[in-house]
Protein backbone atom coordinates (compact mmCIF):
# COMPACT_ATOMS: atom_id res chain seq x y z
CA UNK A 1 96.04 139.56 58.79
CA UNK A 2 93.45 140.53 61.36
CA UNK A 3 94.70 141.12 64.71
CA UNK A 4 92.33 138.40 66.55
CA UNK A 5 93.69 135.83 63.98
CA UNK A 6 97.20 136.68 65.06
CA UNK A 7 96.54 136.69 68.89
CA UNK A 8 94.76 133.22 68.05
CA UNK A 9 97.94 131.86 66.17
CA UNK A 10 100.45 132.95 68.98
CA UNK A 11 98.28 131.67 71.70
CA UNK A 12 98.28 128.12 69.60
CA UNK A 13 101.82 128.30 68.85
CA UNK A 14 102.69 129.09 72.48
CA UNK A 15 100.71 126.47 73.72
CA UNK A 16 102.18 124.11 70.92
CA UNK A 17 105.58 125.03 72.11
CA UNK A 18 105.19 124.39 75.79
CA UNK A 19 103.46 121.00 74.77
CA UNK A 20 106.09 120.20 72.68
CA UNK A 21 108.81 120.50 75.58
CA UNK A 22 106.91 117.96 77.76
CA UNK A 23 106.28 115.70 74.47
CA UNK A 24 110.12 115.77 74.00
CA UNK A 25 111.01 114.84 77.36
CA UNK A 26 108.67 112.00 77.49
CA UNK A 27 109.87 110.67 74.35
CA UNK A 28 113.42 110.77 75.78
CA UNK A 29 112.39 109.44 78.63
CA UNK A 30 110.67 106.25 76.96
CA UNK A 31 113.71 105.71 74.79
CA UNK A 32 115.76 105.37 78.11
CA UNK A 33 117.33 102.28 78.16
CA UNK A 34 117.00 101.61 81.57
CA UNK A 35 113.24 101.89 80.66
CA UNK A 36 113.39 98.82 78.23
CA UNK A 37 111.40 96.63 80.03
CA UNK A 38 109.45 99.07 82.36
CA UNK A 39 105.86 100.16 82.26
CA UNK A 40 105.25 104.02 82.20
CA UNK A 41 102.13 105.79 83.29
CA UNK A 42 101.93 109.69 83.00
CA UNK A 43 98.70 112.34 82.88
CA UNK A 44 98.92 115.82 83.31
CA UNK A 45 95.37 117.58 83.38
CA UNK A 46 94.69 121.24 82.77
CA UNK A 47 92.69 121.73 85.77
CA UNK A 48 90.46 124.49 84.88
CA UNK A 49 89.69 123.08 81.30
CA UNK A 50 89.27 119.42 82.59
CA UNK A 51 91.67 118.96 79.25
CA UNK A 52 94.70 116.22 79.17
CA UNK A 53 97.66 118.30 78.80
CA UNK A 54 99.88 115.54 78.07
CA UNK A 55 99.92 111.63 78.71
CA UNK A 56 101.61 108.20 77.97
CA UNK A 57 99.78 105.19 78.65
CA UNK A 58 97.67 107.24 81.36
CA UNK A 59 94.87 104.26 81.60
CA UNK A 60 97.22 101.64 82.67
CA UNK A 61 96.49 100.41 86.04
CA UNK A 62 99.89 100.37 87.75
CA UNK A 63 101.59 99.65 91.32
CA UNK A 64 101.57 103.29 92.70
CA UNK A 65 103.67 102.62 95.93
CA UNK A 66 103.13 105.64 98.60
CA UNK A 67 101.38 107.66 95.92
CA UNK A 68 98.34 105.85 97.09
CA UNK A 69 98.36 107.70 100.39
CA UNK A 70 96.82 111.01 98.42
CA UNK A 71 93.90 109.00 97.64
CA UNK A 72 93.31 108.12 101.27
CA UNK A 73 94.20 111.30 102.67
CA UNK A 74 92.43 113.39 100.40
CA UNK A 75 89.15 110.89 100.82
CA UNK A 76 89.44 111.46 104.50
CA UNK A 77 90.06 115.15 104.54
CA UNK A 78 86.89 115.51 102.30
CA UNK A 79 84.63 112.55 103.92
CA UNK A 80 85.66 113.13 107.73
CA UNK A 81 86.30 116.89 107.68
CA UNK A 82 89.90 118.71 108.44
CA UNK A 83 88.81 119.18 112.11
CA UNK A 84 88.25 115.71 112.81
CA UNK A 85 89.98 114.44 115.75
CA UNK A 86 90.35 110.81 117.23
CA UNK A 87 89.53 110.40 121.17
CA UNK A 88 90.72 107.84 123.44
CA UNK A 89 88.98 107.26 126.60
CA UNK A 90 89.71 105.97 130.32
CA UNK A 91 86.65 104.01 131.42
CA UNK A 92 86.16 101.47 134.49
CA UNK A 93 83.61 98.90 135.10
CA UNK A 94 82.26 98.21 138.71
CA UNK A 95 82.32 100.80 141.21
CA UNK A 96 84.94 102.79 143.62
CA UNK A 97 84.71 102.41 147.27
CA UNK A 98 87.05 103.98 149.68
CA UNK A 99 89.61 104.37 146.98
CA UNK A 100 89.55 100.91 145.76
CA UNK A 101 88.25 100.26 142.25
CA UNK A 102 86.35 96.88 142.06
CA UNK A 103 86.67 96.26 138.46
CA UNK A 104 88.47 96.52 135.51
CA UNK A 105 90.17 99.72 134.16
CA UNK A 106 90.00 100.25 130.31
CA UNK A 107 91.85 102.66 127.65
CA UNK A 108 89.03 102.54 124.88
CA UNK A 109 90.60 103.73 121.40
CA UNK A 110 88.98 104.83 118.40
CA UNK A 111 92.05 104.43 116.16
CA UNK A 112 94.09 107.38 116.83
CA UNK A 113 97.23 106.61 114.93
CA UNK A 114 99.36 109.42 116.59
CA UNK A 115 98.80 108.36 120.46
CA UNK A 116 102.02 108.66 122.35
CA UNK A 117 103.85 109.08 118.63
CA UNK A 118 107.43 109.10 119.39
CA UNK A 119 108.01 110.77 115.80
CA UNK A 120 105.22 113.20 115.25
CA UNK A 121 105.36 116.72 116.66
CA UNK A 122 102.99 118.52 119.22
CA UNK A 123 101.82 115.10 120.66
CA UNK A 124 102.62 113.74 124.05
CA UNK A 125 105.25 110.86 124.15
CA UNK A 126 104.68 108.05 126.14
CA UNK A 127 105.75 108.84 129.20
CA UNK A 128 103.84 112.24 129.02
CA UNK A 129 100.74 110.37 127.93
CA UNK A 130 101.22 108.06 130.68
CA UNK A 131 101.38 110.72 133.50
CA UNK A 132 98.24 112.51 132.10
CA UNK A 133 96.51 108.98 132.36
CA UNK A 134 97.66 107.95 135.94
CA UNK A 135 96.54 111.85 137.19
CA UNK A 136 93.08 111.35 135.60
CA UNK A 137 92.97 107.57 137.68
CA UNK A 138 93.95 109.42 140.78
CA UNK A 139 91.77 112.41 140.13
CA UNK A 140 88.69 109.78 139.76
CA UNK A 141 89.76 109.06 143.50
CA UNK A 142 91.19 105.44 142.37
CA UNK A 143 94.16 104.45 144.59
CA UNK A 144 93.70 100.62 144.28
CA UNK A 145 92.59 98.59 141.44
CA UNK A 146 91.30 94.77 142.06
CA UNK A 147 90.34 94.40 138.15
CA UNK A 148 92.39 94.00 135.14
CA UNK A 149 94.37 96.91 132.96
CA UNK A 150 92.63 96.34 129.46
CA UNK A 151 93.27 97.74 126.16
CA UNK A 152 90.05 98.09 124.15
CA UNK A 153 90.71 97.86 120.40
CA UNK A 154 87.08 96.83 119.46
CA UNK A 155 86.38 100.07 117.25
CA UNK A 156 88.03 98.85 114.06
CA UNK A 157 87.99 94.92 113.13
CA UNK A 158 90.65 92.57 114.63
CA UNK A 159 92.75 92.42 111.03
CA UNK A 160 95.58 94.11 112.20
CA UNK A 161 97.74 93.06 109.10
CA UNK A 162 96.76 93.69 105.39
CA UNK A 163 96.65 90.18 103.96
CA UNK A 164 98.48 91.23 100.62
CA UNK A 165 101.47 92.68 102.49
CA UNK A 166 104.86 90.74 102.17
CA UNK A 167 106.21 88.59 104.76
CA UNK A 168 109.32 90.85 104.33
CA UNK A 169 107.74 94.01 105.29
CA UNK A 170 105.40 92.32 108.16
CA UNK A 171 107.21 92.88 111.61
CA UNK A 172 109.14 96.06 110.36
CA UNK A 173 108.12 99.51 111.41
CA UNK A 174 106.86 100.61 108.13
CA UNK A 175 104.73 97.24 107.95
CA UNK A 176 102.85 97.89 111.41
CA UNK A 177 99.20 97.35 110.91
CA UNK A 178 96.41 99.43 112.55
CA UNK A 179 94.03 98.47 115.41
CA UNK A 180 91.13 100.37 117.35
CA UNK A 181 93.82 101.29 119.94
CA UNK A 182 97.06 102.05 118.18
CA UNK A 183 99.87 103.32 120.36
CA UNK A 184 103.59 104.37 119.92
CA UNK A 185 103.20 104.17 116.34
CA UNK A 186 102.70 100.67 116.68
CA UNK A 187 106.33 100.20 116.87
CA UNK A 188 109.18 99.66 119.43
CA UNK A 189 112.54 100.16 119.30
CA UNK A 190 115.29 97.36 119.49
CA UNK A 191 118.61 98.62 120.88
CA UNK A 192 122.04 96.91 120.18
CA UNK A 193 125.27 97.26 121.74
CA UNK A 194 127.37 97.70 118.49
CA UNK A 195 130.22 94.93 118.20
CA UNK A 196 133.79 96.39 116.94
CA UNK A 197 134.64 93.33 114.81
CA UNK A 198 133.31 92.79 111.40
CA UNK A 199 130.67 89.73 110.90
CA UNK A 200 130.11 89.22 114.96
CA UNK A 201 127.12 89.45 116.53
CA UNK A 202 125.69 92.67 118.26
CA UNK A 203 124.04 92.00 121.41
CA UNK A 204 120.22 93.11 122.08
CA UNK A 205 120.41 95.36 125.13
CA UNK A 206 116.56 96.12 125.55
CA UNK A 207 113.13 96.93 123.78
CA UNK A 208 111.33 100.37 123.97
CA UNK A 209 108.76 99.53 125.19
CA UNK A 210 109.36 96.96 126.62
CA UNK A 211 107.26 93.53 125.57
CA UNK A 212 106.78 91.12 128.37
CA UNK A 213 107.19 87.46 127.31
CA UNK A 214 108.18 88.22 123.91
CA UNK A 215 111.43 86.21 122.55
CA UNK A 216 113.90 87.86 119.77
CA UNK A 217 115.92 85.45 117.91
CA UNK A 218 118.78 87.82 117.12
CA UNK A 219 120.50 86.47 113.70
CA UNK A 220 122.11 90.03 113.12
CA UNK A 221 125.67 90.79 112.14
CA UNK A 222 128.34 93.43 111.93
CA UNK A 223 128.93 95.26 108.86
CA UNK A 224 131.14 98.61 107.64
CA UNK A 225 130.95 101.41 110.01
CA UNK A 226 128.86 103.37 107.48
CA UNK A 227 126.69 100.49 106.34
CA UNK A 228 123.28 101.91 108.37
CA UNK A 229 120.39 99.91 108.92
CA UNK A 230 119.87 97.00 107.02
CA UNK A 231 118.36 94.52 109.85
CA UNK A 232 114.85 92.98 109.03
CA UNK A 233 112.34 91.77 111.67
CA UNK A 234 110.32 89.09 110.79
CA UNK A 235 107.35 88.21 113.06
CA UNK A 236 103.50 87.74 112.81
CA UNK A 237 100.81 89.94 114.29
CA UNK A 238 99.91 89.27 118.08
CA UNK A 239 103.00 86.74 118.13
CA UNK A 240 105.20 86.26 121.01
CA UNK A 241 108.51 85.83 119.20
CA UNK A 242 110.69 87.23 116.13
CA UNK A 243 113.42 86.66 114.15
CA UNK A 244 115.76 89.63 113.02
CA UNK A 245 118.31 89.05 110.19
CA UNK A 246 120.62 91.37 108.27
CA UNK A 247 123.20 93.49 109.53
CA UNK A 248 123.97 96.89 111.57
CA UNK A 249 127.01 99.05 111.50
CA UNK A 250 129.97 97.53 113.44
CA UNK A 251 131.60 100.12 116.32
CA UNK A 252 130.69 101.06 119.75
CA UNK A 253 127.81 102.67 121.76
CA UNK A 254 124.13 101.65 121.10
CA UNK A 255 122.17 101.40 117.92
CA UNK A 256 118.42 101.06 117.20
CA UNK A 257 116.13 99.64 114.84
CA UNK A 258 112.61 100.02 114.51
CA UNK A 259 109.83 97.06 114.16
CA UNK A 260 105.99 96.65 114.32
CA UNK A 261 104.56 96.25 117.86
CA UNK A 262 102.65 92.74 117.56
CA UNK A 263 99.73 93.87 119.69
CA UNK A 264 99.69 97.79 120.11
CA UNK A 265 96.71 97.54 122.45
CA UNK A 266 98.79 95.01 124.64
CA UNK A 267 101.41 97.36 125.05
CA UNK A 268 99.40 100.64 125.71
CA UNK A 269 97.77 98.25 128.70
CA UNK A 270 101.05 97.12 129.46
CA UNK A 271 102.60 100.72 129.91
CA UNK A 272 99.15 101.72 131.83
CA UNK A 273 99.84 98.96 134.21
CA UNK A 274 103.51 99.63 134.75
CA UNK A 275 102.87 103.48 134.99
CA UNK A 276 100.08 102.91 137.77
CA UNK A 277 102.09 100.95 139.87
CA UNK A 278 105.04 103.38 139.81
CA UNK A 279 102.61 106.02 140.42
CA UNK A 280 101.56 104.20 143.94
CA UNK A 281 98.52 102.62 142.81
CA UNK A 282 98.14 98.77 142.99
CA UNK A 283 96.93 96.64 140.33
CA UNK A 284 95.74 92.83 141.39
CA UNK A 285 94.71 92.11 138.04
CA UNK A 286 96.25 91.45 134.62
CA UNK A 287 96.78 93.36 131.36
CA UNK A 288 94.59 92.29 128.47
CA UNK A 289 93.08 93.39 125.53
CA UNK A 290 89.43 93.74 123.79
CA UNK A 291 89.85 92.84 120.43
CA UNK A 292 86.53 92.28 118.98
CA UNK A 293 83.38 94.49 119.38
CA UNK A 294 80.57 93.11 121.66
CA UNK A 295 78.29 94.50 124.15
CA UNK A 296 79.95 96.63 127.01
CA UNK A 297 79.20 96.09 130.38
CA UNK A 298 78.34 99.35 131.82
CA UNK A 299 81.44 101.42 132.09
CA UNK A 300 81.94 104.99 133.47
CA UNK A 301 83.94 107.30 131.24
CA UNK A 302 86.32 109.65 133.39
CA UNK A 303 89.02 110.73 131.17
CA UNK A 304 89.16 111.55 127.36
CA UNK A 305 92.08 112.16 125.37
CA UNK A 306 91.86 114.15 122.15
CA UNK A 307 94.44 113.90 118.89
CA UNK A 308 95.47 116.79 117.10
CA UNK A 309 93.12 117.63 114.04
CA UNK A 310 93.01 115.25 111.17
CA UNK A 311 94.53 117.97 109.03
CA UNK A 312 97.64 117.69 111.22
CA UNK A 313 97.84 113.93 110.96
CA UNK A 314 97.24 113.96 107.28
CA UNK A 315 100.34 116.83 106.97
CA UNK A 316 102.60 114.50 108.86
CA UNK A 317 101.19 111.39 106.93
CA UNK A 318 102.13 112.66 103.50
CA UNK A 319 105.04 114.28 104.72
CA UNK A 320 106.68 111.57 106.64
CA UNK A 321 105.03 109.02 104.36
CA UNK A 322 103.68 107.00 107.33
CA UNK A 323 101.98 103.71 106.43
CA UNK A 324 100.32 103.07 109.37
CA UNK A 325 98.49 106.44 109.57
CA UNK A 326 96.98 105.68 106.44
CA UNK A 327 95.74 102.02 107.15
CA UNK A 328 93.92 103.85 110.27
CA UNK A 329 92.07 106.27 108.12
CA UNK A 330 90.93 103.78 105.83
CA UNK A 331 89.51 102.06 108.38
CA UNK A 332 88.04 105.06 110.02
CA UNK A 333 86.13 105.84 106.94
CA UNK A 334 84.93 102.39 106.74
CA UNK A 335 83.50 102.84 110.54
CA UNK A 336 81.85 106.22 109.66
CA UNK A 337 80.33 105.28 106.20
CA UNK A 338 79.81 101.68 106.48
CA UNK A 339 79.46 100.88 110.11
CA UNK A 340 82.57 98.63 110.39
CA UNK A 341 85.97 99.67 110.85
CA UNK A 342 87.71 97.30 108.38
CA UNK A 343 90.20 97.75 105.10
CA UNK A 344 87.37 96.45 103.13
CA UNK A 345 84.79 98.38 104.21
CA UNK A 346 87.20 101.58 103.71
CA UNK A 347 88.12 100.64 100.38
CA UNK A 348 84.25 100.48 99.32
CA UNK A 349 83.77 103.62 101.08
CA UNK A 350 86.47 105.40 98.93
CA UNK A 351 85.64 103.55 95.73
CA UNK A 352 81.79 105.14 96.20
CA UNK A 353 83.26 108.18 96.98
CA UNK A 354 85.03 108.91 93.72
CA UNK A 355 82.43 107.11 91.63
CA UNK A 356 79.61 109.31 92.92
CA UNK A 357 81.80 112.44 91.94
CA UNK A 358 81.91 111.36 88.19
CA UNK A 359 85.03 109.39 88.14
CA UNK A 360 85.18 105.98 86.21
CA UNK A 361 86.39 103.95 88.79
CA UNK A 362 86.63 100.23 86.84
CA UNK A 363 90.48 100.05 86.82
CA UNK A 364 90.89 101.01 90.33
CA UNK A 365 92.45 98.41 92.45
CA UNK A 366 92.79 99.47 96.10
CA UNK A 367 93.98 96.62 98.84
CA UNK A 368 95.45 99.24 101.22
CA UNK A 369 95.27 102.81 101.84
CA UNK A 370 99.25 103.60 102.10
CA UNK A 371 100.53 101.76 99.21
CA UNK A 372 102.66 98.81 100.65
CA UNK A 373 100.81 96.19 98.78
CA UNK A 374 102.36 95.09 95.56
CA UNK A 375 98.59 94.34 94.29
CA UNK A 376 97.19 97.68 94.34
CA UNK A 377 96.55 98.96 90.76
CA UNK A 378 95.77 102.51 90.09
CA UNK A 379 96.30 104.58 86.58
CA UNK A 380 98.24 107.67 86.01
CA UNK A 381 94.98 109.14 84.59
CA UNK A 382 93.05 108.15 87.81
CA UNK A 383 95.51 109.78 90.05
CA UNK A 384 95.27 113.21 88.23
CA UNK A 385 91.45 112.76 88.06
CA UNK A 386 91.42 112.56 91.88
CA UNK A 387 93.91 115.30 92.37
CA UNK A 388 91.56 117.65 89.82
CA UNK A 389 88.48 116.78 91.86
CA UNK A 390 90.16 117.58 95.26
CA UNK A 391 91.48 120.82 93.79
CA UNK A 392 88.21 122.12 92.57
CA UNK A 393 86.57 121.30 96.11
CA UNK A 394 86.89 124.61 97.71
CA UNK A 395 86.20 123.46 101.48
CA UNK A 396 88.84 121.22 101.75
CA UNK A 397 91.60 121.91 98.98
CA UNK A 398 93.54 124.61 100.76
CA UNK A 399 94.09 122.03 103.74
CA UNK A 400 94.76 119.21 101.32
CA UNK A 401 97.18 121.31 99.38
CA UNK A 402 99.01 122.57 102.64
CA UNK A 403 99.38 118.48 103.36
CA UNK A 404 101.51 117.86 100.22
CA UNK A 405 105.57 117.81 100.52
CA UNK A 406 106.74 120.92 98.56
CA UNK A 407 109.41 120.22 95.91
CA UNK A 408 112.87 121.13 96.73
CA UNK A 409 111.66 122.24 100.35
CA UNK A 410 109.83 119.99 102.60
CA UNK A 411 109.18 116.22 103.38
CA UNK A 412 110.01 113.44 100.82
CA UNK A 413 110.35 116.19 98.17
CA UNK A 414 113.22 118.06 100.24
CA UNK A 415 115.91 117.41 97.69
CA UNK A 416 114.02 116.93 94.61
CA UNK A 417 113.86 119.37 91.96
CA UNK A 418 116.01 122.02 93.41
CA UNK A 419 116.99 125.10 91.79
CA UNK A 420 114.57 124.67 88.99
CA UNK A 421 110.95 125.76 87.96
CA UNK A 422 109.33 123.01 90.16
CA UNK A 423 111.14 124.35 93.38
CA UNK A 424 108.47 125.86 95.44
CA UNK A 425 105.73 125.36 92.49
CA UNK A 426 105.23 121.78 92.70
CA UNK A 427 103.44 119.95 95.48
CA UNK A 428 103.13 115.85 95.47
CA UNK A 429 103.42 112.76 96.94
CA UNK A 430 106.21 110.37 96.25
CA UNK A 431 106.26 106.70 95.97
CA UNK A 432 108.84 104.16 96.05
CA UNK A 433 109.47 100.39 96.66
CA UNK A 434 111.77 97.96 94.74
CA UNK A 435 111.62 98.39 91.06
CA UNK A 436 108.69 101.18 91.49
CA UNK A 437 108.42 104.90 91.62
CA UNK A 438 105.90 107.67 91.50
CA UNK A 439 105.02 111.32 91.89
CA UNK A 440 101.36 112.47 92.15
CA UNK A 441 100.75 116.00 92.63
CA UNK A 442 99.98 119.65 90.96
CA UNK A 443 102.40 122.01 89.61
CA UNK A 444 101.69 125.44 87.95
CA UNK A 445 103.54 125.49 84.62
CA UNK A 446 105.42 128.46 82.72
CA UNK A 447 102.52 128.93 80.48
CA UNK A 448 100.50 129.75 83.33
CA UNK A 449 98.17 126.32 83.64
CA UNK A 450 97.82 124.87 86.94
CA UNK A 451 97.89 121.03 86.43
CA UNK A 452 97.28 118.09 88.30
CA UNK A 453 99.52 115.22 87.30
CA UNK A 454 100.83 111.47 87.79
CA UNK A 455 103.79 109.34 86.99
CA UNK A 456 104.16 106.08 87.67
CA UNK A 457 107.19 103.53 86.53
CA UNK A 458 107.09 100.08 87.30
CA UNK A 459 110.34 97.47 86.49
CA UNK A 460 112.97 99.68 85.58
CA UNK A 461 116.60 98.29 85.76
CA UNK A 462 118.41 100.78 86.90
CA UNK A 463 118.96 102.00 90.69
CA UNK A 464 116.48 103.56 92.23
CA UNK A 465 118.32 107.04 92.87
CA UNK A 466 118.87 106.92 89.14
CA UNK A 467 115.32 106.62 88.52
CA UNK A 468 114.39 109.57 90.88
CA UNK A 469 116.86 111.71 88.71
CA UNK A 470 115.34 110.65 85.60
CA UNK A 471 111.86 111.62 86.89
CA UNK A 472 113.30 114.95 88.18
CA UNK A 473 114.20 115.42 84.59
CA UNK A 474 110.85 114.85 83.26
CA UNK A 475 108.95 116.79 85.99
CA UNK A 476 111.34 119.96 85.74
CA UNK A 477 110.53 119.75 82.05
CA UNK A 478 106.67 119.75 83.03
CA UNK A 479 107.04 122.63 85.08
CA UNK A 480 108.93 124.72 82.19
CA UNK A 481 105.96 123.67 79.62
């Protein structure tokens, strides 16, 4: 037989063997009893050849959970650029006469999700940020303010929450919405004094930051000492009360849970007011907010704070799965592309962006930027195609790739696919909600092909942990193909 034919047959044999490995894994996965009532979507695309390597039910739109974040962060990186920075401005109206500001002091945001973040590395925490702001006020020659302290959130619309989010999520830190002046990750800590008696009620000692006039109906009880945080906050945006139900561990000492700030811009203005007074600057007016855009009275900008680069914010968002950060990016895309920072405009801009790059977006149903909405619907093939397009974009890919968690090493994939062919070879974003698991990313398989892939499972009957292990087995088989 001719040598070229032998080489061709050997290459075909290698490819068939590689694909048969993932095909066998997919068949075993489909036959698992825990998936009897489930919907499965899987698609892996050979990036260089633009060919489907393996698929199952790949065009079915499914609920992806946090895998949605790669679409938002990828779109933001491509549309806005990796070096984009958010700016927060200190401004005043009126005039300064002999150290007295005859006017209002404004903190005007442009949506920076990391402003005074207690979680993201490399940004000033609220005490440090407020010191910087107070120092800037003093440097401007202001010793007394006769007006109000106003948090200006009008850069985005005033719809802080997503209408399709569930009531059980809204009020908790992961259900914090986005506005034009985000602050402290739009969360506050509720500090409990633990109670040593099982079933007894622990007392609330404080909230950080404090929220004046905010009432909390505490219905939390004490559970086993190793039970963890099982307390849930129910509260509406811009409201002045919350109900907390559930349990925290019994014992002694303090225990904190995180909740969504009802009005981030007002909390920022309130902190500014308190820190100004502590710094010796009197304020005779009140703290308030500006939520809707209107023609601004003449203002003087005297200090500008810049966020870290978008690349760092996206990396933090994907590695730590930060919902509010994605909602901010989506609104920002809407503001830059459509002229108004709303979720609807952001979704329209993202859909247009990928449609213009040749993707069929007919079965693409995007309702938020982070994946918390159960009304999102995206197919595994759409995910894999978007990831392929990102890979081919030489201007943004390296930065986008570095934003994703590394299997077995970092982020939400730190303990995933350890000691396997996928470890340090697969980059992806995971997604999980009740009865939903997904993974979307890249892997270079043993046969040398680089694949973009996505797998989504809805409505399995086993535990989330067991589903994670089953998907781990499937994706290791893909890496070994």
